[in-house]
N, C-alpha and C. Protein backbone atom coordinates (compact mmCIF):
# COMPACT_ATOMS: atom_id res chain seq x y z
N MET A 1 -18.34 7.83 -20.42
CA MET A 1 -19.35 7.64 -19.23
C MET A 1 -19.47 9.34 -18.94
N GLY A 2 -21.23 9.50 -19.26
CA GLY A 2 -21.55 11.09 -18.79
C GLY A 2 -21.04 11.29 -17.74
N GLY A 3 -20.69 12.68 -17.34
CA GLY A 3 -20.07 13.23 -15.93
C GLY A 3 -19.19 12.66 -15.32
N ILE A 4 -18.58 12.11 -16.16
CA ILE A 4 -17.00 11.72 -15.45
C ILE A 4 -15.90 11.64 -16.47
N ASP A 5 -15.32 12.95 -16.25
CA ASP A 5 -14.38 13.43 -17.04
C ASP A 5 -12.74 12.99 -16.38
N LEU A 6 -12.10 11.80 -16.77
CA LEU A 6 -11.05 11.51 -16.34
C LEU A 6 -9.89 12.56 -16.35
N GLU A 7 -10.01 13.39 -17.60
CA GLU A 7 -8.93 14.63 -17.39
C GLU A 7 -9.14 15.42 -16.42
N LEU A 8 -10.33 16.04 -16.07
CA LEU A 8 -10.54 16.73 -14.90
C LEU A 8 -10.22 16.30 -13.54
N GLY A 9 -10.38 15.04 -13.75
CA GLY A 9 -10.16 13.95 -12.22
C GLY A 9 -8.52 14.42 -11.84
N ALA A 10 -7.35 14.12 -13.13
CA ALA A 10 -6.15 14.04 -13.20
C ALA A 10 -5.50 15.58 -12.83
N LYS A 11 -6.44 16.61 -13.30
CA LYS A 11 -6.28 17.87 -12.74
C LYS A 11 -6.06 17.56 -11.07
N VAL A 12 -7.27 17.82 -10.87
CA VAL A 12 -7.82 17.56 -9.32
C VAL A 12 -6.67 17.11 -9.02
N LEU A 13 -6.10 15.79 -9.01
CA LEU A 13 -5.57 15.29 -8.16
C LEU A 13 -3.85 15.72 -8.34
N SER A 14 -3.62 16.39 -9.69
CA SER A 14 -2.43 16.66 -9.89
C SER A 14 -2.44 18.35 -8.66
N GLY A 15 -3.28 19.05 -8.46
CA GLY A 15 -2.87 19.92 -7.71
C GLY A 15 -2.61 19.52 -6.03
N GLU A 16 -3.12 18.15 -5.70
CA GLU A 16 -2.94 17.80 -4.52
C GLU A 16 -2.25 16.69 -4.13
N LYS A 17 -1.39 16.53 -4.96
CA LYS A 17 -0.34 15.09 -4.68
C LYS A 17 0.58 15.76 -3.72
N TYR A 18 1.20 17.22 -3.49
CA TYR A 18 2.08 17.53 -2.61
C TYR A 18 1.46 17.08 -1.36
N GLY A 19 0.18 17.44 -0.94
CA GLY A 19 0.27 17.20 0.35
C GLY A 19 -0.58 15.47 0.82
N ASP A 20 -0.43 14.80 -0.37
CA ASP A 20 -0.44 13.31 -0.43
C ASP A 20 -0.13 12.95 1.37
N TRP A 21 -0.88 11.55 2.09
CA TRP A 21 -0.23 11.24 3.15
C TRP A 21 1.09 10.33 2.60
N TYR A 22 0.85 9.83 1.45
CA TYR A 22 1.98 8.84 1.16
C TYR A 22 2.46 10.13 0.09
N ARG A 23 3.76 10.05 0.09
CA ARG A 23 4.43 10.93 -1.39
C ARG A 23 5.11 9.78 -2.50
N ASP A 24 4.67 9.55 -3.30
CA ASP A 24 4.96 8.87 -4.50
C ASP A 24 6.26 9.39 -5.23
N PRO A 25 7.49 8.64 -5.17
CA PRO A 25 8.23 8.82 -5.86
C PRO A 25 8.38 8.93 -6.54
N TRP A 26 7.64 8.19 -7.61
CA TRP A 26 7.58 8.80 -9.27
C TRP A 26 6.35 9.87 -9.82
N GLY A 27 5.85 10.22 -8.44
CA GLY A 27 5.00 11.63 -8.40
C GLY A 27 3.54 11.08 -9.13
N TRP A 28 2.78 9.98 -8.79
CA TRP A 28 1.52 9.47 -9.36
C TRP A 28 1.79 9.85 -10.89
N PRO A 29 2.75 9.17 -11.78
CA PRO A 29 2.18 9.12 -13.14
C PRO A 29 1.05 8.60 -13.72
N GLU A 30 0.48 7.76 -12.87
CA GLU A 30 -0.99 7.25 -13.32
C GLU A 30 -1.94 8.01 -13.67
N PHE A 31 -2.12 9.31 -12.75
CA PHE A 31 -2.68 10.25 -12.42
C PHE A 31 -2.35 11.36 -13.76
N SER A 32 -1.54 11.34 -14.39
CA SER A 32 -1.22 12.44 -15.73
C SER A 32 -2.50 12.53 -16.81
N GLU A 33 -2.39 13.79 -17.00
CA GLU A 33 -3.43 13.97 -18.03
C GLU A 33 -3.17 13.36 -19.22
N ALA A 34 -1.99 12.64 -19.71
CA ALA A 34 -1.76 12.56 -21.23
C ALA A 34 -2.19 10.86 -20.62
N PHE A 35 -1.96 10.22 -19.64
CA PHE A 35 -2.42 8.95 -19.95
C PHE A 35 -3.39 8.89 -19.67
N VAL A 36 -4.33 9.31 -18.83
CA VAL A 36 -5.69 8.78 -18.36
C VAL A 36 -6.79 9.42 -19.39
N ARG A 37 -6.03 9.85 -20.76
CA ARG A 37 -6.92 10.39 -22.07
C ARG A 37 -6.52 9.06 -22.49
N SER A 38 -5.85 8.02 -22.80
CA SER A 38 -6.03 6.92 -23.19
C SER A 38 -6.98 5.72 -22.71
N LEU A 39 -7.46 6.18 -21.58
CA LEU A 39 -8.17 5.10 -20.45
C LEU A 39 -9.97 5.41 -21.03
N ASP A 40 -10.25 4.07 -20.80
CA ASP A 40 -11.88 4.01 -20.91
C ASP A 40 -12.70 3.85 -19.59
N VAL A 41 -13.49 4.63 -19.02
CA VAL A 41 -13.91 4.55 -17.94
C VAL A 41 -14.87 3.32 -17.39
N GLU A 42 -15.29 2.47 -18.25
CA GLU A 42 -15.89 1.30 -18.01
C GLU A 42 -14.94 0.38 -18.11
N SER A 43 -13.88 -0.05 -18.86
CA SER A 43 -13.49 -1.02 -19.11
C SER A 43 -12.02 -1.18 -18.22
N ASP A 44 -11.53 0.17 -18.51
CA ASP A 44 -10.05 -0.08 -17.55
C ASP A 44 -10.47 0.40 -16.26
N PHE A 45 -11.43 0.70 -16.01
CA PHE A 45 -11.44 0.90 -14.33
C PHE A 45 -12.67 0.06 -13.57
N GLY A 46 -12.44 -1.16 -14.20
CA GLY A 46 -13.63 -1.94 -13.94
C GLY A 46 -15.27 -1.58 -13.50
N ILE A 47 -15.62 -1.00 -14.07
CA ILE A 47 -17.08 -0.33 -13.69
C ILE A 47 -18.29 -0.85 -14.58
N VAL A 48 -19.05 -1.63 -13.92
CA VAL A 48 -20.26 -2.27 -14.41
C VAL A 48 -21.35 -1.74 -14.25
N ARG A 49 -22.49 -2.11 -14.92
CA ARG A 49 -23.83 -1.34 -15.13
C ARG A 49 -24.56 -2.56 -13.91
N GLY A 50 -24.96 -1.66 -13.10
CA GLY A 50 -25.72 -2.28 -12.07
C GLY A 50 -27.27 -2.63 -12.30
N ASN A 51 -27.98 -2.87 -11.21
CA ASN A 51 -29.36 -3.00 -11.46
C ASN A 51 -30.16 -1.33 -11.74
N ALA A 52 -31.24 -1.34 -11.66
CA ALA A 52 -31.70 0.14 -12.19
C ALA A 52 -31.97 1.19 -11.10
N GLY A 53 -31.57 0.77 -9.76
CA GLY A 53 -31.54 1.69 -8.97
C GLY A 53 -29.77 2.65 -8.98
N GLU A 54 -29.02 1.81 -9.09
CA GLU A 54 -27.98 2.20 -9.46
C GLU A 54 -27.28 1.47 -10.67
N PRO A 55 -26.79 2.39 -11.51
CA PRO A 55 -26.86 2.00 -12.99
C PRO A 55 -25.15 1.59 -13.40
N PHE A 56 -24.60 2.34 -12.19
CA PHE A 56 -22.85 1.62 -12.10
C PHE A 56 -22.44 1.20 -10.97
N ARG A 57 -21.50 0.85 -11.05
CA ARG A 57 -20.94 0.42 -9.62
C ARG A 57 -19.26 -0.28 -10.08
N PHE A 58 -18.48 -0.19 -8.81
CA PHE A 58 -17.13 -0.58 -9.17
C PHE A 58 -17.75 -1.98 -8.93
N SER A 59 -16.84 -3.37 -9.87
CA SER A 59 -16.88 -4.42 -10.06
C SER A 59 -16.01 -5.18 -8.65
N ASP A 60 -14.88 -4.16 -8.34
CA ASP A 60 -14.23 -4.72 -7.09
C ASP A 60 -14.01 -3.43 -6.27
N PRO A 61 -14.56 -3.59 -5.30
CA PRO A 61 -14.98 -2.06 -4.24
C PRO A 61 -13.49 -1.38 -3.98
N PRO A 62 -13.83 0.02 -3.82
CA PRO A 62 -12.76 0.63 -3.43
C PRO A 62 -12.13 0.64 -2.07
N HIS A 63 -10.84 0.56 -2.11
CA HIS A 63 -9.93 0.01 -0.89
C HIS A 63 -9.22 1.25 -0.54
N PHE A 64 -9.11 1.40 1.19
CA PHE A 64 -8.35 2.46 1.66
C PHE A 64 -7.40 1.48 1.95
N HIS A 65 -6.10 1.85 2.72
CA HIS A 65 -5.10 1.35 3.11
C HIS A 65 -4.39 2.01 4.64
N PRO A 66 -4.91 1.29 5.49
CA PRO A 66 -4.21 2.11 6.72
C PRO A 66 -2.82 2.44 6.70
N LEU A 67 -2.05 3.38 7.76
CA LEU A 67 -1.04 4.03 7.84
C LEU A 67 -0.96 4.80 8.84
N ASP A 68 0.51 4.94 9.38
CA ASP A 68 0.68 5.63 10.19
C ASP A 68 1.59 6.69 9.70
N VAL A 69 1.00 8.14 9.92
CA VAL A 69 2.08 9.01 9.69
C VAL A 69 2.53 10.00 10.72
N PRO A 70 4.10 9.88 10.76
CA PRO A 70 4.81 10.47 11.69
C PRO A 70 4.19 12.00 12.21
N LYS A 71 4.29 12.13 13.10
CA LYS A 71 4.22 13.50 13.35
C LYS A 71 5.10 14.07 14.33
N SER A 72 5.29 15.25 14.96
CA SER A 72 6.02 16.33 15.78
C SER A 72 6.17 15.30 16.98
N ARG A 73 7.60 15.43 18.00
CA ARG A 73 7.55 15.12 18.66
C ARG A 73 7.25 13.35 19.32
N LEU A 74 7.59 12.73 18.12
CA LEU A 74 7.64 11.35 17.93
C LEU A 74 6.44 10.73 18.23
N GLY A 75 5.38 11.13 17.85
CA GLY A 75 3.77 10.70 18.05
C GLY A 75 3.36 10.52 16.42
N THR A 76 2.49 9.91 16.05
CA THR A 76 1.96 9.43 15.10
C THR A 76 0.79 9.53 14.89
N ARG A 77 0.03 9.84 13.16
CA ARG A 77 -1.39 9.97 13.39
C ARG A 77 -1.94 8.90 12.09
N PRO A 78 -3.17 8.43 12.45
CA PRO A 78 -3.55 7.56 11.49
C PRO A 78 -4.02 7.81 10.76
N ALA A 79 -4.04 7.00 9.41
CA ALA A 79 -4.31 8.00 8.23
C ALA A 79 -4.42 6.64 7.21
N VAL A 80 -5.00 6.74 5.90
CA VAL A 80 -5.10 5.73 4.89
C VAL A 80 -4.95 6.34 3.50
N VAL A 81 -4.73 5.60 2.81
CA VAL A 81 -4.29 6.12 1.29
C VAL A 81 -5.09 5.56 0.39
N GLN A 82 -5.77 6.10 -0.51
CA GLN A 82 -6.94 5.34 -1.18
C GLN A 82 -6.37 4.62 -2.49
N ASP A 83 -6.93 3.36 -3.14
CA ASP A 83 -6.35 3.13 -3.90
C ASP A 83 -6.39 3.79 -5.45
N PRO A 84 -5.29 4.08 -6.29
CA PRO A 84 -5.24 4.95 -7.34
C PRO A 84 -6.59 5.00 -8.29
N ARG A 85 -7.15 3.88 -8.44
CA ARG A 85 -8.34 3.31 -9.16
C ARG A 85 -9.29 4.07 -9.12
N SER A 86 -9.81 3.98 -7.68
CA SER A 86 -11.04 4.64 -7.31
C SER A 86 -10.67 5.89 -6.77
N ARG A 87 -9.67 6.53 -6.64
CA ARG A 87 -9.33 7.84 -6.53
C ARG A 87 -9.73 8.72 -7.57
N LEU A 88 -8.73 8.27 -8.87
CA LEU A 88 -9.33 9.29 -10.25
C LEU A 88 -10.70 8.79 -10.18
N ILE A 89 -11.35 8.30 -10.12
CA ILE A 89 -13.12 7.82 -10.21
C ILE A 89 -13.63 9.16 -9.58
N TYR A 90 -13.37 8.65 -8.07
CA TYR A 90 -13.65 9.73 -7.16
C TYR A 90 -13.70 11.26 -7.29
N SER A 91 -12.45 11.64 -7.83
CA SER A 91 -12.16 12.92 -8.33
C SER A 91 -12.75 13.81 -9.34
N ALA A 92 -12.64 12.77 -10.46
CA ALA A 92 -13.41 13.17 -11.50
C ALA A 92 -14.89 13.05 -10.95
N ALA A 93 -15.66 12.17 -10.79
CA ALA A 93 -16.95 12.46 -10.39
C ALA A 93 -17.28 13.65 -9.72
N SER A 94 -16.60 13.77 -8.53
CA SER A 94 -17.01 14.80 -7.36
C SER A 94 -16.58 16.07 -8.25
N ARG A 95 -15.74 16.33 -9.11
CA ARG A 95 -15.42 17.36 -10.07
C ARG A 95 -16.59 17.90 -10.83
N GLY A 96 -16.95 16.70 -11.05
CA GLY A 96 -18.36 17.00 -12.53
C GLY A 96 -19.46 17.58 -11.77
N LEU A 97 -19.39 17.49 -10.58
CA LEU A 97 -20.87 17.73 -9.95
C LEU A 97 -21.03 19.41 -9.72
N VAL A 98 -19.59 19.77 -9.63
CA VAL A 98 -19.29 20.75 -8.91
C VAL A 98 -19.89 22.23 -8.99
N GLU A 99 -20.20 22.85 -10.39
CA GLU A 99 -20.59 23.46 -10.54
C GLU A 99 -22.15 23.73 -9.99
N ARG A 100 -22.61 22.91 -10.14
CA ARG A 100 -23.92 22.44 -9.40
C ARG A 100 -24.69 23.03 -8.17
N LEU A 101 -23.13 22.08 -7.37
CA LEU A 101 -23.01 21.75 -6.18
C LEU A 101 -23.36 23.25 -5.15
N HIS A 102 -22.23 23.88 -6.14
CA HIS A 102 -21.82 24.95 -5.46
C HIS A 102 -22.55 26.44 -6.07
N ALA A 103 -23.77 25.94 -6.60
CA ALA A 103 -24.45 27.39 -7.43
C ALA A 103 -24.98 28.34 -6.35
N ASP A 104 -25.47 27.66 -4.94
CA ASP A 104 -25.79 28.72 -4.20
C ASP A 104 -24.94 29.14 -3.07
N LEU A 105 -23.52 28.36 -3.42
CA LEU A 105 -22.73 29.05 -2.25
C LEU A 105 -22.56 30.82 -2.10
N PRO A 106 -22.65 31.40 -1.09
CA PRO A 106 -22.21 32.34 -0.75
C PRO A 106 -20.86 33.00 -1.07
N ASP A 107 -20.51 33.95 -2.09
CA ASP A 107 -19.35 34.58 -2.26
C ASP A 107 -18.31 34.78 -1.41
N TRP A 108 -18.64 34.98 0.15
CA TRP A 108 -17.96 34.93 1.24
C TRP A 108 -17.51 33.31 1.77
N VAL A 109 -17.50 32.24 0.91
CA VAL A 109 -17.29 30.84 1.16
C VAL A 109 -15.62 30.78 0.52
N TYR A 110 -15.09 30.67 0.96
CA TYR A 110 -13.38 30.52 -0.01
C TYR A 110 -12.94 29.10 0.58
N GLY A 111 -12.10 28.85 -0.71
CA GLY A 111 -11.40 27.58 -0.83
C GLY A 111 -12.32 26.37 -1.36
N TRP A 112 -11.76 25.71 -1.89
CA TRP A 112 -12.23 24.76 -2.68
C TRP A 112 -13.85 24.62 -3.39
N ARG A 113 -13.69 25.79 -3.84
CA ARG A 113 -14.96 26.09 -4.40
C ARG A 113 -15.15 25.93 -5.75
N ALA A 114 -16.40 26.40 -6.48
CA ALA A 114 -16.41 27.05 -8.03
C ALA A 114 -16.80 28.17 -7.97
N ARG A 115 -16.28 29.23 -8.92
CA ARG A 115 -16.60 30.71 -8.90
C ARG A 115 -16.81 31.04 -10.54
N GLY A 116 -17.83 30.93 -10.89
CA GLY A 116 -17.98 31.33 -12.39
C GLY A 116 -17.62 30.29 -13.35
N GLY A 117 -18.02 29.09 -12.42
CA GLY A 117 -17.65 27.88 -13.51
C GLY A 117 -16.36 27.28 -13.47
N VAL A 118 -15.18 27.86 -12.91
CA VAL A 118 -13.99 27.36 -12.51
C VAL A 118 -13.67 27.05 -11.18
N ILE A 119 -12.95 26.51 -10.61
CA ILE A 119 -12.03 26.55 -9.74
C ILE A 119 -10.95 27.44 -9.38
N PRO A 120 -10.88 28.24 -8.66
CA PRO A 120 -9.74 28.84 -8.66
C PRO A 120 -8.40 28.31 -7.55
N PRO A 121 -7.53 28.43 -7.79
CA PRO A 121 -6.35 28.30 -7.59
C PRO A 121 -6.61 28.44 -5.39
N SER A 122 -5.84 27.56 -4.80
CA SER A 122 -6.13 27.65 -3.37
C SER A 122 -5.26 28.81 -2.98
N SER A 123 -4.03 29.24 -3.71
CA SER A 123 -3.58 30.20 -3.40
C SER A 123 -4.47 31.86 -4.02
N GLU A 124 -5.45 32.08 -4.62
CA GLU A 124 -6.21 32.97 -4.99
C GLU A 124 -7.33 33.08 -3.94
N GLU A 125 -7.71 31.69 -3.31
CA GLU A 125 -8.75 31.82 -2.23
C GLU A 125 -8.08 32.15 -0.84
N TRP A 126 -6.86 31.89 -1.02
CA TRP A 126 -6.71 32.28 0.49
C TRP A 126 -6.10 33.54 0.74
N ALA A 127 -5.83 34.33 -0.64
CA ALA A 127 -5.56 35.50 -0.40
C ALA A 127 -7.06 36.70 -0.23
N ALA A 128 -7.92 36.11 -1.39
CA ALA A 128 -9.15 36.66 -0.73
C ALA A 128 -9.90 36.52 0.52
N TYR A 129 -9.47 35.44 1.10
CA TYR A 129 -9.89 35.32 2.67
C TYR A 129 -9.22 36.33 3.52
N GLY A 130 -8.09 36.67 3.36
CA GLY A 130 -7.30 37.19 4.21
C GLY A 130 -7.97 38.88 4.01
N VAL A 131 -7.73 39.06 2.52
CA VAL A 131 -8.53 40.48 2.38
C VAL A 131 -9.72 40.62 2.79
N SER A 132 -10.67 39.56 3.16
CA SER A 132 -11.59 39.77 3.79
C SER A 132 -11.79 39.89 5.02
N ILE A 133 -10.77 39.55 5.98
CA ILE A 133 -10.73 39.44 6.90
C ILE A 133 -10.03 41.14 7.85
N ASP A 134 -9.65 41.88 7.03
CA ASP A 134 -8.75 42.85 7.06
C ASP A 134 -9.47 43.43 8.03
N ALA A 135 -10.75 44.08 7.89
CA ALA A 135 -11.64 44.63 8.50
C ALA A 135 -12.03 44.30 9.91
N VAL A 136 -11.81 43.14 10.20
CA VAL A 136 -12.15 42.19 11.83
C VAL A 136 -11.64 43.04 12.90
N PRO A 137 -10.74 43.44 12.99
CA PRO A 137 -9.89 44.23 14.36
C PRO A 137 -10.86 45.24 14.42
N GLU A 138 -11.73 45.86 13.56
CA GLU A 138 -12.01 47.14 14.03
C GLU A 138 -13.46 47.11 14.02
N ASP A 139 -14.07 45.72 13.96
CA ASP A 139 -15.12 45.30 14.29
C ASP A 139 -15.55 45.19 16.13
N MET A 140 -16.48 45.25 16.30
CA MET A 140 -16.99 45.26 17.93
C MET A 140 -17.20 43.75 18.20
N PHE A 141 -17.35 42.85 17.50
CA PHE A 141 -17.27 41.47 17.71
C PHE A 141 -16.86 40.65 16.74
N SER A 142 -16.16 39.63 17.02
CA SER A 142 -15.48 38.61 15.86
C SER A 142 -15.36 37.51 16.84
N LEU A 143 -15.38 36.38 15.48
CA LEU A 143 -15.03 34.92 16.18
C LEU A 143 -14.24 34.29 15.21
N GLN A 144 -13.22 33.65 15.76
CA GLN A 144 -12.29 32.92 14.79
C GLN A 144 -12.33 31.39 15.50
N THR A 145 -12.65 30.36 14.71
CA THR A 145 -12.80 28.87 15.02
C THR A 145 -12.19 28.15 14.09
N ASP A 146 -11.58 27.04 14.94
CA ASP A 146 -11.02 26.08 13.95
C ASP A 146 -11.54 24.47 13.95
N ILE A 147 -12.22 24.15 13.03
CA ILE A 147 -13.00 23.10 13.04
C ILE A 147 -12.08 21.90 12.93
N THR A 148 -12.33 20.83 14.07
CA THR A 148 -11.42 19.91 14.46
C THR A 148 -12.21 18.52 13.51
N SER A 149 -11.57 17.70 13.25
CA SER A 149 -12.25 16.35 12.60
C SER A 149 -13.51 16.83 12.10
N PHE A 150 -13.37 17.58 11.01
CA PHE A 150 -15.06 17.94 10.58
C PHE A 150 -15.34 16.65 9.24
N PHE A 151 -14.58 16.26 8.13
CA PHE A 151 -14.66 15.76 7.43
C PHE A 151 -15.04 13.96 8.64
N ALA A 152 -14.33 14.00 9.19
CA ALA A 152 -14.81 12.89 9.93
C ALA A 152 -16.69 13.06 10.23
N SER A 153 -16.96 14.02 10.85
CA SER A 153 -17.84 13.99 11.71
C SER A 153 -19.42 14.04 10.67
N ILE A 154 -18.92 14.06 9.26
CA ILE A 154 -19.83 14.34 8.48
C ILE A 154 -20.78 13.20 8.22
N ASP A 155 -22.13 12.79 8.10
CA ASP A 155 -23.42 11.50 7.73
C ASP A 155 -23.21 11.26 6.50
N VAL A 156 -22.19 10.37 6.13
CA VAL A 156 -22.18 9.90 4.72
C VAL A 156 -23.72 9.51 4.04
N GLU A 157 -24.23 9.21 4.77
CA GLU A 157 -25.57 8.41 4.19
C GLU A 157 -26.94 10.00 3.93
N SER A 158 -26.70 10.82 4.73
CA SER A 158 -27.14 12.04 4.71
C SER A 158 -26.28 12.76 3.52
N LEU A 159 -25.34 12.84 3.11
CA LEU A 159 -24.55 13.45 2.03
C LEU A 159 -25.03 12.33 0.80
N ILE A 160 -24.82 11.09 0.75
CA ILE A 160 -25.09 10.76 -0.21
C ILE A 160 -27.01 10.73 -0.97
N GLY A 161 -27.69 10.89 0.52
CA GLY A 161 -29.10 11.20 -0.04
C GLY A 161 -29.26 12.74 -0.59
N THR A 162 -28.06 13.68 -0.17
CA THR A 162 -28.57 14.80 -0.82
C THR A 162 -27.76 14.93 -2.50
N LEU A 163 -26.61 14.21 -2.56
CA LEU A 163 -26.19 14.32 -3.71
C LEU A 163 -27.42 13.36 -4.51
N SER A 164 -28.23 12.24 -4.37
CA SER A 164 -29.05 11.66 -5.06
C SER A 164 -30.28 12.46 -4.73
N SER A 165 -30.97 13.26 -4.31
CA SER A 165 -31.88 14.29 -4.46
C SER A 165 -31.74 15.43 -5.67
N SER A 166 -30.14 15.99 -5.70
CA SER A 166 -29.88 16.55 -6.50
C SER A 166 -29.56 16.45 -8.11
N PHE A 167 -29.12 15.00 -8.24
CA PHE A 167 -28.59 14.48 -9.49
C PHE A 167 -29.44 13.36 -9.95
N GLY A 168 -30.23 13.19 -9.03
CA GLY A 168 -30.85 11.44 -9.40
C GLY A 168 -29.54 10.35 -9.04
N ARG A 169 -29.88 9.54 -9.63
CA ARG A 169 -29.28 8.26 -9.14
C ARG A 169 -27.98 7.82 -10.50
N ASN A 170 -27.26 8.41 -10.60
CA ASN A 170 -26.37 8.95 -12.09
C ASN A 170 -25.27 7.99 -11.95
N ALA A 171 -24.26 7.82 -12.28
CA ALA A 171 -22.97 7.09 -12.60
C ALA A 171 -22.30 7.62 -11.72
N SER A 172 -22.19 8.93 -11.78
CA SER A 172 -21.20 9.94 -10.64
C SER A 172 -21.58 9.72 -9.15
N VAL A 173 -22.72 9.71 -8.86
CA VAL A 173 -23.13 9.65 -7.51
C VAL A 173 -23.18 8.45 -7.11
N GLY A 174 -23.06 7.41 -7.90
CA GLY A 174 -23.55 6.05 -7.15
C GLY A 174 -22.02 5.69 -6.99
N LEU A 175 -21.26 6.23 -7.64
CA LEU A 175 -19.36 5.66 -7.61
C LEU A 175 -19.00 6.49 -6.38
N ILE A 176 -19.60 7.65 -6.21
CA ILE A 176 -18.68 8.70 -5.15
C ILE A 176 -19.43 7.90 -3.64
N ALA A 177 -20.48 7.44 -3.95
CA ALA A 177 -21.43 6.62 -2.52
C ALA A 177 -20.41 5.31 -2.30
N GLU A 178 -20.20 5.11 -3.53
CA GLU A 178 -19.48 3.50 -2.84
C GLU A 178 -17.92 4.09 -2.61
N VAL A 179 -17.39 4.78 -2.75
CA VAL A 179 -16.53 5.40 -2.45
C VAL A 179 -16.28 5.92 -0.68
N LEU A 180 -17.75 6.83 -0.58
CA LEU A 180 -17.93 7.18 1.08
C LEU A 180 -18.53 5.97 1.85
N ARG A 181 -18.69 4.94 1.07
CA ARG A 181 -19.43 3.90 1.97
C ARG A 181 -18.09 3.14 2.58
N SER A 182 -17.32 2.85 1.69
CA SER A 182 -16.21 1.98 1.66
C SER A 182 -15.24 2.75 2.64
N HIS A 183 -15.34 4.12 2.43
CA HIS A 183 -14.05 4.92 3.50
C HIS A 183 -14.67 4.88 4.98
N ASN A 184 -16.16 5.23 5.42
CA ASN A 184 -16.77 5.04 6.17
C ASN A 184 -16.82 3.68 7.19
N GLY A 185 -16.89 2.15 6.16
CA GLY A 185 -17.07 1.47 6.92
C GLY A 185 -15.57 0.68 7.41
N MET A 186 -15.05 1.54 7.27
CA MET A 186 -13.90 0.87 8.12
C MET A 186 -13.43 1.38 9.40
N MET A 187 -12.94 0.60 10.37
CA MET A 187 -13.02 0.29 11.65
C MET A 187 -12.42 1.75 12.35
N SER A 188 -11.69 2.62 11.85
CA SER A 188 -10.80 3.55 12.14
C SER A 188 -11.40 4.92 11.55
N ARG A 189 -11.93 4.66 10.51
CA ARG A 189 -12.48 5.90 9.86
C ARG A 189 -14.09 6.54 9.84
N SER A 190 -14.36 7.39 9.45
CA SER A 190 -15.78 7.86 9.70
C SER A 190 -15.67 8.85 8.51
N GLY A 191 -16.87 9.41 8.15
CA GLY A 191 -17.21 10.61 7.27
C GLY A 191 -15.97 10.25 5.65
N LEU A 192 -15.85 11.45 5.71
CA LEU A 192 -15.16 12.14 4.20
C LEU A 192 -13.90 11.52 4.34
N PRO A 193 -13.26 10.93 3.14
CA PRO A 193 -11.96 10.96 2.93
C PRO A 193 -10.91 12.32 3.00
N GLN A 194 -9.67 12.08 3.97
CA GLN A 194 -8.89 13.43 4.14
C GLN A 194 -7.68 13.77 3.32
N ARG A 195 -7.89 14.87 3.13
CA ARG A 195 -6.80 15.12 2.16
C ARG A 195 -7.04 15.26 1.24
N SER A 196 -8.26 15.33 0.47
CA SER A 196 -8.80 15.45 -0.47
C SER A 196 -9.32 16.58 -1.33
N ALA A 197 -9.27 17.06 -2.33
CA ALA A 197 -9.71 18.02 -2.84
C ALA A 197 -11.55 17.64 -3.62
N ALA A 198 -11.51 16.53 -3.87
CA ALA A 198 -12.98 15.90 -3.55
C ALA A 198 -14.07 15.55 -2.79
N SER A 199 -13.18 15.45 -1.77
CA SER A 199 -13.87 15.86 -0.32
C SER A 199 -14.28 17.24 0.05
N ALA A 200 -13.11 17.91 -0.37
CA ALA A 200 -13.66 19.05 0.15
C ALA A 200 -14.79 19.67 -0.75
N TYR A 201 -14.88 19.13 -2.05
CA TYR A 201 -15.98 20.09 -3.04
C TYR A 201 -16.91 19.45 -2.17
N LEU A 202 -17.38 18.48 -1.80
CA LEU A 202 -18.50 17.83 -1.07
C LEU A 202 -18.77 18.39 0.32
N ALA A 203 -17.72 18.64 1.07
CA ALA A 203 -17.77 18.86 2.41
C ALA A 203 -18.52 20.75 2.35
N GLN A 204 -18.52 21.22 1.58
CA GLN A 204 -18.55 22.61 1.24
C GLN A 204 -20.47 22.53 1.24
N VAL A 205 -21.05 21.38 0.74
CA VAL A 205 -22.74 21.27 0.38
C VAL A 205 -23.21 20.90 1.98
N CYS A 206 -22.31 20.21 3.18
CA CYS A 206 -22.81 19.86 4.05
C CYS A 206 -22.58 20.91 5.06
N ILE A 207 -21.68 22.24 4.86
CA ILE A 207 -21.70 23.39 5.63
C ILE A 207 -22.90 24.15 5.18
N LEU A 208 -23.26 23.89 3.57
CA LEU A 208 -24.20 25.19 3.32
C LEU A 208 -25.56 24.62 3.91
N LEU A 209 -25.74 23.30 3.90
CA LEU A 209 -26.98 22.92 4.62
C LEU A 209 -26.96 23.05 5.99
N THR A 210 -26.03 22.81 6.61
CA THR A 210 -25.96 22.97 8.21
C THR A 210 -26.15 24.75 8.28
N MET A 211 -25.88 25.50 7.70
CA MET A 211 -25.92 26.76 7.81
C MET A 211 -27.66 27.29 7.43
N ARG A 212 -27.97 26.69 6.50
CA ARG A 212 -29.52 26.72 6.15
C ARG A 212 -30.58 26.18 7.68
N TYR A 213 -29.76 24.95 7.91
CA TYR A 213 -30.94 24.74 9.41
C TYR A 213 -30.90 25.61 10.27
N ARG A 214 -29.17 25.89 10.79
CA ARG A 214 -29.71 26.90 11.73
C ARG A 214 -30.04 28.26 11.57
N LEU A 215 -30.53 28.75 10.22
CA LEU A 215 -30.94 29.62 10.36
C LEU A 215 -32.33 29.88 10.09
N HIS A 216 -33.22 28.61 9.76
CA HIS A 216 -34.22 28.38 9.80
C HIS A 216 -34.59 27.83 11.32
């Protein structure tokens, strides 16, 4: 299916599995590049053709399973784990849009982004970010902020509208929209799924649009 490269999706997931809410004891073998190479996007993932407005959809909706994650001082944090089938498709579909989505990102935006047609490792992006702020102590003015619950604050329908305007109603956009709406529709969740590189790729677009709105 055009725009959905399962091997690219598997590469995305291999880079984020150590930060998962749930650590699979087998290391998520269903996300290995060798395994997904043998799969067919439509028949093996239950993706069917819909109507003219939404050419592809999941025959069984994406699922998110709530769980409580232990935190320090005997506390817990509510989280969710996405089903492997839709998670791989979500990662592959989002990764396939990245180059065009990030074409207008300024060079000083770091992390989970495309540069020159590739996505640099997080370690490289973090190091470059560190270099970029070396001069901050010498400046007369500076601001440091930590955004809390940013993914949860994103308006899913506005993001889907932006993707549709940029790419049309293609397979990737339609399947991403289903995942986002399933997650956003949970009573305890909103916005984008957390601990997800695919969500981070999409979130960069929301930040860019917000910056443009503020500047104009």
